[in-house]
């Protein structure tokens, strides 16, 4: 059975895992909080994953050249 935790609980577990002391393992934190170690690891990886487009150095407002309008393509050619 899957347990749904509140966002405040998830945040508290993440903080505890990210700021754990020297020698404290992720398994110990998971056991203490009553959650699976893989759940904590997955959330940490997800929070550190680059946003879509950041891998190619694109920002949110940037468009790919194939998404440009004809006017934008012409402007790129002229500049």
Protein backbone atom coordinates (compact mmCIF):
# COMPACT_ATOMS: atom_id res chain seq x y z
CA UNK A 1 0.00 0.00 0.00
CA UNK A 2 1.32 3.41 -0.95
CA UNK A 3 1.45 6.13 1.68
CA UNK A 4 0.91 9.74 0.68
CA UNK A 5 3.06 12.09 2.73
CA UNK A 6 2.49 15.81 3.08
CA UNK A 7 4.80 18.17 1.25
CA UNK A 8 6.06 19.54 4.58
CA UNK A 9 7.04 16.03 5.68
CA UNK A 10 8.81 15.40 2.37
CA UNK A 11 10.67 18.70 2.69
CA UNK A 12 11.72 17.90 6.25
CA UNK A 13 13.06 14.49 5.20
CA UNK A 14 14.94 16.07 2.27
CA UNK A 15 16.50 18.68 4.56
CA UNK A 16 17.51 16.02 7.04
CA UNK A 17 19.06 13.90 4.26
CA UNK A 18 20.89 16.78 2.59
CA UNK A 19 22.26 18.17 5.85
CA UNK A 20 23.06 14.90 7.59
CA UNK A 21 26.14 14.75 9.75
CA UNK A 22 29.40 13.01 9.00
CA UNK A 23 28.98 9.24 9.18
CA UNK A 24 25.18 9.30 9.05
CA UNK A 25 23.94 7.13 6.20
CA UNK A 26 20.91 7.64 4.01
CA UNK A 27 19.62 4.25 5.23
CA UNK A 28 19.69 5.48 8.84
CA UNK A 29 17.71 8.58 7.96
CA UNK A 30 15.21 6.54 5.95
CA UNK A 31 14.73 4.09 8.83
CA UNK A 32 14.36 6.95 11.34
CA UNK A 33 11.73 8.68 9.18
CA UNK A 34 9.93 5.49 8.22
CA UNK A 35 10.39 5.85 4.47
CA UNK A 36 12.26 3.85 1.86
CA UNK A 37 15.85 4.86 1.13
CA UNK A 38 15.21 4.77 -2.62
CA UNK A 39 12.39 7.32 -2.22
CA UNK A 40 14.76 9.81 -0.60
CA UNK A 41 17.45 9.19 -3.21
CA UNK A 42 14.96 9.59 -6.07
CA UNK A 43 13.66 12.90 -4.70
CA UNK A 44 17.20 14.21 -4.27
CA UNK A 45 18.12 13.23 -7.85
CA UNK A 46 14.90 14.81 -9.11
CA UNK A 47 15.59 18.07 -7.31
CA UNK A 48 19.07 18.29 -8.83
CA UNK A 49 18.09 17.32 -12.37
CA UNK A 50 18.50 20.10 -14.91
CA UNK A 51 15.35 21.53 -16.40
CA UNK A 52 14.47 20.56 -19.94
CA UNK A 53 16.61 22.60 -22.31
CA UNK A 54 19.30 23.45 -19.75
CA UNK A 55 21.37 20.56 -21.03
CA UNK A 56 21.81 22.40 -24.32
CA UNK A 57 22.33 25.79 -22.65
CA UNK A 58 18.84 27.00 -23.53
CA UNK A 59 16.77 29.17 -21.24
CA UNK A 60 12.98 28.97 -20.98
CA UNK A 61 12.42 31.93 -23.28
CA UNK A 62 14.82 30.62 -25.95
CA UNK A 63 13.32 28.86 -28.93
CA UNK A 64 14.94 26.29 -31.13
CA UNK A 65 15.71 27.56 -34.64
CA UNK A 66 13.16 25.18 -36.12
CA UNK A 67 10.48 26.85 -33.95
CA UNK A 68 11.29 30.35 -35.24
CA UNK A 69 8.84 32.23 -37.40
CA UNK A 70 9.84 33.22 -40.93
CA UNK A 71 10.53 36.76 -39.76
CA UNK A 72 12.80 35.48 -36.98
CA UNK A 73 14.68 33.27 -39.44
CA UNK A 74 15.18 36.20 -41.79
CA UNK A 75 16.39 38.39 -38.93
CA UNK A 76 18.92 35.70 -37.94
CA UNK A 77 20.22 35.52 -41.49
CA UNK A 78 20.57 39.30 -41.76
CA UNK A 79 22.37 39.77 -38.45
